[in-house]
Amino acid sequence: MNRHNFKKLKIWQDGLGLVVKTYKMTNTFPSKEKYGLISQLNRCSVSIPSNIAEGTSKSSEKHFRTFLEISLGSAFEWETQIIIAEKLKYISSDEFEDLESRIIQLQKMISGFIGKLDC
């Protein structure tokens, strides 16, 4: 397997952008959510690009795929949590729609990348 430079992968770059957006967004949440939704959203957003990066260090595409699948799972977890944030009125409908479209695009890109691996 040729190792990928994770910093050059669009899925990693977009995932990293999502982390920054998530941290800025959760800074506006009520402080009572510090150990709840804020922590969950921040942790799963960080998990997306982190698992992509870690996967690039693996010696086989099968192992890389496992880390991409974990990253994809974190993306779906993140999507669920922004749905909760919108229902609790922590984010506006417009912000929700923007974030949801970004995460769906990222989910598709990660899924597509997984599909192109030879394993």
N, C-alpha and C. Protein backbone atom coordinates (compact mmCIF):
# COMPACT_ATOMS: atom_id res chain seq x y z
N MET A 1 0.86 -1.18 0.00
CA MET A 1 0.00 0.00 0.00
C MET A 1 0.89 1.24 0.00
N ASN A 2 0.57 2.17 -0.87
CA ASN A 2 1.24 3.47 -0.84
C ASN A 2 0.62 4.28 0.29
N ARG A 3 1.45 4.81 1.14
CA ARG A 3 0.93 5.63 2.23
C ARG A 3 0.50 6.98 1.68
N HIS A 4 -0.59 7.47 2.20
CA HIS A 4 -1.12 8.76 1.80
C HIS A 4 -0.57 9.84 2.72
N ASN A 5 -0.35 11.02 2.18
CA ASN A 5 -0.02 12.18 3.00
C ASN A 5 -1.36 12.75 3.46
N PHE A 6 -1.72 12.51 4.71
CA PHE A 6 -3.05 12.89 5.18
C PHE A 6 -3.34 14.37 5.00
N LYS A 7 -2.32 15.22 5.09
CA LYS A 7 -2.53 16.66 4.97
C LYS A 7 -2.99 17.07 3.57
N LYS A 8 -2.73 16.22 2.60
CA LYS A 8 -3.13 16.51 1.21
C LYS A 8 -4.50 15.92 0.86
N LEU A 9 -5.05 15.12 1.75
CA LEU A 9 -6.35 14.49 1.47
C LEU A 9 -7.48 15.50 1.73
N LYS A 10 -8.36 15.65 0.74
CA LYS A 10 -9.48 16.58 0.87
C LYS A 10 -10.37 16.19 2.04
N ILE A 11 -10.54 14.90 2.28
CA ILE A 11 -11.40 14.47 3.39
C ILE A 11 -10.80 14.90 4.73
N TRP A 12 -9.48 14.88 4.84
CA TRP A 12 -8.83 15.34 6.07
C TRP A 12 -8.96 16.85 6.21
N GLN A 13 -8.71 17.58 5.12
CA GLN A 13 -8.80 19.04 5.14
C GLN A 13 -10.20 19.50 5.52
N ASP A 14 -11.21 18.88 4.89
CA ASP A 14 -12.59 19.25 5.21
C ASP A 14 -12.95 18.86 6.64
N GLY A 15 -12.45 17.72 7.09
CA GLY A 15 -12.68 17.30 8.46
C GLY A 15 -12.07 18.27 9.46
N LEU A 16 -10.87 18.75 9.16
CA LEU A 16 -10.22 19.71 10.03
C LEU A 16 -11.00 21.03 10.07
N GLY A 17 -11.52 21.45 8.92
CA GLY A 17 -12.36 22.64 8.88
C GLY A 17 -13.61 22.49 9.73
N LEU A 18 -14.15 21.29 9.75
CA LEU A 18 -15.33 21.00 10.56
C LEU A 18 -15.00 21.09 12.05
N VAL A 19 -13.80 20.69 12.44
CA VAL A 19 -13.39 20.80 13.84
C VAL A 19 -13.40 22.26 14.27
N VAL A 20 -12.80 23.12 13.46
CA VAL A 20 -12.73 24.55 13.79
C VAL A 20 -14.13 25.12 13.90
N LYS A 21 -14.98 24.79 12.93
CA LYS A 21 -16.37 25.28 12.93
C LYS A 21 -17.11 24.78 14.17
N THR A 22 -16.88 23.53 14.55
CA THR A 22 -17.55 22.94 15.70
C THR A 22 -17.15 23.65 16.99
N TYR A 23 -15.87 23.87 17.17
CA TYR A 23 -15.41 24.54 18.39
C TYR A 23 -15.98 25.96 18.49
N LYS A 24 -16.02 26.67 17.36
CA LYS A 24 -16.60 28.02 17.37
C LYS A 24 -18.09 27.96 17.70
N MET A 25 -18.78 26.98 17.11
CA MET A 25 -20.22 26.84 17.33
C MET A 25 -20.51 26.49 18.79
N THR A 26 -19.77 25.53 19.34
CA THR A 26 -20.07 25.09 20.71
C THR A 26 -19.70 26.15 21.75
N ASN A 27 -18.89 27.12 21.38
CA ASN A 27 -18.59 28.23 22.29
C ASN A 27 -19.84 29.07 22.60
N THR A 28 -20.86 28.94 21.75
CA THR A 28 -22.09 29.71 21.95
C THR A 28 -23.16 28.91 22.72
N PHE A 29 -22.90 27.65 22.99
CA PHE A 29 -23.87 26.80 23.68
C PHE A 29 -23.91 27.19 25.17
N PRO A 30 -25.02 26.88 25.84
CA PRO A 30 -25.12 27.16 27.28
C PRO A 30 -24.04 26.39 28.05
N SER A 31 -23.53 27.00 29.11
CA SER A 31 -22.46 26.38 29.89
C SER A 31 -22.90 25.06 30.53
N LYS A 32 -24.20 24.88 30.72
CA LYS A 32 -24.68 23.62 31.30
C LYS A 32 -24.38 22.43 30.38
N GLU A 33 -24.07 22.69 29.11
CA GLU A 33 -23.76 21.63 28.15
C GLU A 33 -22.27 21.30 28.08
N LYS A 34 -21.47 21.94 28.95
CA LYS A 34 -20.00 21.77 28.90
C LYS A 34 -19.59 20.30 28.90
N TYR A 35 -20.21 19.50 29.75
CA TYR A 35 -19.84 18.08 29.84
C TYR A 35 -20.82 17.19 29.09
N GLY A 36 -21.73 17.79 28.36
CA GLY A 36 -22.70 17.03 27.58
C GLY A 36 -22.47 17.22 26.09
N LEU A 37 -23.37 17.95 25.49
CA LEU A 37 -23.35 18.10 24.03
C LEU A 37 -22.09 18.80 23.53
N ILE A 38 -21.58 19.79 24.25
CA ILE A 38 -20.36 20.48 23.82
C ILE A 38 -19.20 19.48 23.74
N SER A 39 -19.03 18.72 24.78
CA SER A 39 -17.94 17.73 24.82
C SER A 39 -18.11 16.68 23.73
N GLN A 40 -19.32 16.18 23.56
CA GLN A 40 -19.58 15.16 22.54
C GLN A 40 -19.29 15.68 21.14
N LEU A 41 -19.82 16.85 20.82
CA LEU A 41 -19.61 17.43 19.49
C LEU A 41 -18.14 17.68 19.22
N ASN A 42 -17.44 18.26 20.19
CA ASN A 42 -16.03 18.55 20.00
C ASN A 42 -15.22 17.26 19.82
N ARG A 43 -15.50 16.27 20.65
CA ARG A 43 -14.73 15.01 20.57
C ARG A 43 -14.98 14.27 19.27
N CYS A 44 -16.22 14.19 18.83
CA CYS A 44 -16.45 13.42 17.60
C CYS A 44 -15.99 14.21 16.37
N SER A 45 -16.01 15.55 16.43
CA SER A 45 -15.48 16.31 15.29
C SER A 45 -13.97 16.08 15.17
N VAL A 46 -13.27 16.07 16.29
CA VAL A 46 -11.82 15.82 16.29
C VAL A 46 -11.52 14.40 15.80
N SER A 47 -12.41 13.48 16.10
CA SER A 47 -12.22 12.09 15.70
C SER A 47 -12.21 11.91 14.18
N ILE A 48 -12.94 12.75 13.47
CA ILE A 48 -13.05 12.57 12.01
C ILE A 48 -11.68 12.71 11.34
N PRO A 49 -11.02 13.88 11.42
CA PRO A 49 -9.72 13.97 10.75
C PRO A 49 -8.62 13.18 11.46
N SER A 50 -8.75 12.99 12.77
CA SER A 50 -7.73 12.25 13.51
C SER A 50 -7.64 10.79 13.04
N ASN A 51 -8.79 10.17 12.83
CA ASN A 51 -8.78 8.78 12.36
C ASN A 51 -8.33 8.66 10.92
N ILE A 52 -8.62 9.66 10.12
CA ILE A 52 -8.10 9.67 8.75
C ILE A 52 -6.58 9.72 8.79
N ALA A 53 -6.04 10.63 9.60
CA ALA A 53 -4.59 10.76 9.73
C ALA A 53 -3.96 9.47 10.26
N GLU A 54 -4.54 8.92 11.32
CA GLU A 54 -3.98 7.70 11.89
C GLU A 54 -4.03 6.56 10.88
N GLY A 55 -5.09 6.48 10.13
CA GLY A 55 -5.23 5.42 9.13
C GLY A 55 -4.15 5.46 8.07
N THR A 56 -3.68 6.65 7.73
CA THR A 56 -2.64 6.75 6.70
C THR A 56 -1.32 6.14 7.15
N SER A 57 -1.14 5.93 8.44
CA SER A 57 0.11 5.35 8.94
C SER A 57 0.11 3.83 8.87
N LYS A 58 -1.02 3.24 8.59
CA LYS A 58 -1.13 1.78 8.62
C LYS A 58 -0.49 1.15 7.38
N SER A 59 -0.07 -0.09 7.55
CA SER A 59 0.70 -0.76 6.49
C SER A 59 -0.15 -1.44 5.42
N SER A 60 -1.46 -1.48 5.62
CA SER A 60 -2.31 -2.10 4.60
C SER A 60 -3.57 -1.27 4.39
N GLU A 61 -4.13 -1.40 3.21
CA GLU A 61 -5.37 -0.68 2.92
C GLU A 61 -6.53 -1.21 3.76
N LYS A 62 -6.46 -2.48 4.14
CA LYS A 62 -7.49 -3.04 5.02
C LYS A 62 -7.51 -2.31 6.36
N HIS A 63 -6.33 -2.07 6.92
CA HIS A 63 -6.26 -1.35 8.19
C HIS A 63 -6.65 0.12 8.01
N PHE A 64 -6.21 0.72 6.91
CA PHE A 64 -6.58 2.10 6.62
C PHE A 64 -8.09 2.22 6.53
N ARG A 65 -8.70 1.27 5.87
CA ARG A 65 -10.16 1.26 5.71
C ARG A 65 -10.87 1.27 7.07
N THR A 66 -10.34 0.50 8.01
CA THR A 66 -10.94 0.45 9.35
C THR A 66 -10.98 1.84 9.97
N PHE A 67 -9.88 2.59 9.85
CA PHE A 67 -9.84 3.93 10.43
C PHE A 67 -10.75 4.89 9.67
N LEU A 68 -10.88 4.71 8.37
CA LEU A 68 -11.82 5.54 7.60
C LEU A 68 -13.25 5.25 8.02
N GLU A 69 -13.54 3.98 8.29
CA GLU A 69 -14.89 3.62 8.75
C GLU A 69 -15.19 4.22 10.12
N ILE A 70 -14.19 4.26 10.99
CA ILE A 70 -14.37 4.91 12.29
C ILE A 70 -14.63 6.40 12.09
N SER A 71 -13.88 7.01 11.19
CA SER A 71 -14.06 8.42 10.87
C SER A 71 -15.48 8.67 10.34
N LEU A 72 -15.94 7.80 9.47
CA LEU A 72 -17.29 7.93 8.92
C LEU A 72 -18.33 7.78 10.03
N GLY A 73 -18.12 6.85 10.93
CA GLY A 73 -19.04 6.69 12.06
C GLY A 73 -19.10 7.95 12.90
N SER A 74 -17.95 8.58 13.12
CA SER A 74 -17.91 9.84 13.87
C SER A 74 -18.65 10.94 13.14
N ALA A 75 -18.60 10.92 11.82
CA ALA A 75 -19.33 11.92 11.03
C ALA A 75 -20.84 11.76 11.20
N PHE A 76 -21.31 10.52 11.24
CA PHE A 76 -22.74 10.28 11.46
C PHE A 76 -23.13 10.63 12.90
N GLU A 77 -22.25 10.34 13.84
CA GLU A 77 -22.49 10.73 15.23
C GLU A 77 -22.61 12.26 15.33
N TRP A 78 -21.69 12.96 14.69
CA TRP A 78 -21.68 14.43 14.69
C TRP A 78 -22.99 14.96 14.11
N GLU A 79 -23.43 14.36 12.99
CA GLU A 79 -24.69 14.80 12.37
C GLU A 79 -25.86 14.65 13.33
N THR A 80 -25.92 13.54 14.04
CA THR A 80 -26.98 13.33 15.02
C THR A 80 -26.96 14.41 16.10
N GLN A 81 -25.77 14.76 16.54
CA GLN A 81 -25.65 15.75 17.60
C GLN A 81 -26.03 17.16 17.15
N ILE A 82 -25.78 17.49 15.87
CA ILE A 82 -26.25 18.82 15.44
C ILE A 82 -27.76 18.85 15.27
N ILE A 83 -28.35 17.70 14.97
CA ILE A 83 -29.82 17.62 14.93
C ILE A 83 -30.35 17.92 16.34
N ILE A 84 -29.73 17.33 17.34
CA ILE A 84 -30.12 17.59 18.73
C ILE A 84 -29.92 19.06 19.06
N ALA A 85 -28.78 19.63 18.66
CA ALA A 85 -28.50 21.05 18.94
C ALA A 85 -29.55 21.96 18.32
N GLU A 86 -29.99 21.62 17.12
CA GLU A 86 -31.03 22.44 16.48
C GLU A 86 -32.36 22.29 17.21
N LYS A 87 -32.71 21.07 17.58
CA LYS A 87 -33.98 20.85 18.29
C LYS A 87 -34.00 21.56 19.64
N LEU A 88 -32.83 21.70 20.27
CA LEU A 88 -32.73 22.42 21.53
C LEU A 88 -32.57 23.93 21.33
N LYS A 89 -32.57 24.35 20.07
CA LYS A 89 -32.45 25.77 19.69
C LYS A 89 -31.09 26.37 20.06
N TYR A 90 -30.04 25.52 20.07
CA TYR A 90 -28.68 26.02 20.32
C TYR A 90 -28.07 26.57 19.03
N ILE A 91 -28.61 26.11 17.89
CA ILE A 91 -28.21 26.66 16.59
C ILE A 91 -29.47 26.97 15.80
N SER A 92 -29.34 27.92 14.88
CA SER A 92 -30.49 28.32 14.06
C SER A 92 -30.73 27.29 12.96
N SER A 93 -31.89 27.37 12.36
CA SER A 93 -32.22 26.47 11.24
C SER A 93 -31.26 26.68 10.08
N ASP A 94 -30.91 27.94 9.81
CA ASP A 94 -29.97 28.23 8.72
C ASP A 94 -28.60 27.62 9.00
N GLU A 95 -28.12 27.78 10.23
CA GLU A 95 -26.82 27.21 10.59
C GLU A 95 -26.87 25.69 10.50
N PHE A 96 -27.98 25.11 10.96
CA PHE A 96 -28.15 23.67 10.88
C PHE A 96 -28.08 23.18 9.44
N GLU A 97 -28.81 23.85 8.54
CA GLU A 97 -28.83 23.44 7.14
C GLU A 97 -27.44 23.51 6.52
N ASP A 98 -26.69 24.56 6.84
CA ASP A 98 -25.33 24.69 6.32
C ASP A 98 -24.45 23.55 6.84
N LEU A 99 -24.51 23.30 8.15
CA LEU A 99 -23.69 22.26 8.76
C LEU A 99 -24.09 20.87 8.25
N GLU A 100 -25.38 20.65 8.13
CA GLU A 100 -25.84 19.34 7.66
C GLU A 100 -25.38 19.08 6.23
N SER A 101 -25.44 20.08 5.38
CA SER A 101 -24.99 19.87 4.01
C SER A 101 -23.49 19.60 3.96
N ARG A 102 -22.73 20.26 4.83
CA ARG A 102 -21.28 20.02 4.88
C ARG A 102 -20.96 18.60 5.35
N ILE A 103 -21.66 18.14 6.38
CA ILE A 103 -21.36 16.81 6.91
C ILE A 103 -21.81 15.73 5.94
N ILE A 104 -22.92 15.93 5.27
CA ILE A 104 -23.37 14.94 4.29
C ILE A 104 -22.36 14.84 3.15
N GLN A 105 -21.86 15.98 2.70
CA GLN A 105 -20.83 15.97 1.65
C GLN A 105 -19.59 15.23 2.12
N LEU A 106 -19.17 15.48 3.35
CA LEU A 106 -17.99 14.81 3.89
C LEU A 106 -18.23 13.30 4.03
N GLN A 107 -19.41 12.92 4.47
CA GLN A 107 -19.75 11.50 4.58
C GLN A 107 -19.66 10.82 3.21
N LYS A 108 -20.16 11.49 2.19
CA LYS A 108 -20.09 10.94 0.83
C LYS A 108 -18.64 10.80 0.36
N MET A 109 -17.82 11.80 0.66
CA MET A 109 -16.43 11.77 0.24
C MET A 109 -15.66 10.64 0.95
N ILE A 110 -15.90 10.49 2.25
CA ILE A 110 -15.23 9.41 2.99
C ILE A 110 -15.69 8.05 2.46
N SER A 111 -16.99 7.90 2.23
CA SER A 111 -17.53 6.65 1.70
C SER A 111 -16.93 6.34 0.33
N GLY A 112 -16.83 7.36 -0.51
CA GLY A 112 -16.24 7.19 -1.83
C GLY A 112 -14.77 6.78 -1.75
N PHE A 113 -14.06 7.38 -0.83
CA PHE A 113 -12.64 7.04 -0.64
C PHE A 113 -12.50 5.60 -0.19
N ILE A 114 -13.35 5.20 0.73
CA ILE A 114 -13.34 3.80 1.20
C ILE A 114 -13.57 2.85 0.01
N GLY A 115 -14.53 3.20 -0.84
CA GLY A 115 -14.87 2.36 -1.99
C GLY A 115 -13.74 2.21 -3.00
N LYS A 116 -12.83 3.15 -3.01
CA LYS A 116 -11.72 3.10 -3.97
C LYS A 116 -10.50 2.32 -3.46
N LEU A 117 -10.51 1.94 -2.18
CA LEU A 117 -9.38 1.18 -1.65
C LEU A 117 -9.41 -0.25 -2.14
N ASP A 118 -8.26 -0.82 -2.38
CA ASP A 118 -8.14 -2.21 -2.83
C ASP A 118 -7.98 -3.13 -1.62
N CYS A 119 -9.12 -3.55 -1.07
CA CYS A 119 -9.03 -4.50 0.04
C CYS A 119 -10.26 -5.38 0.09
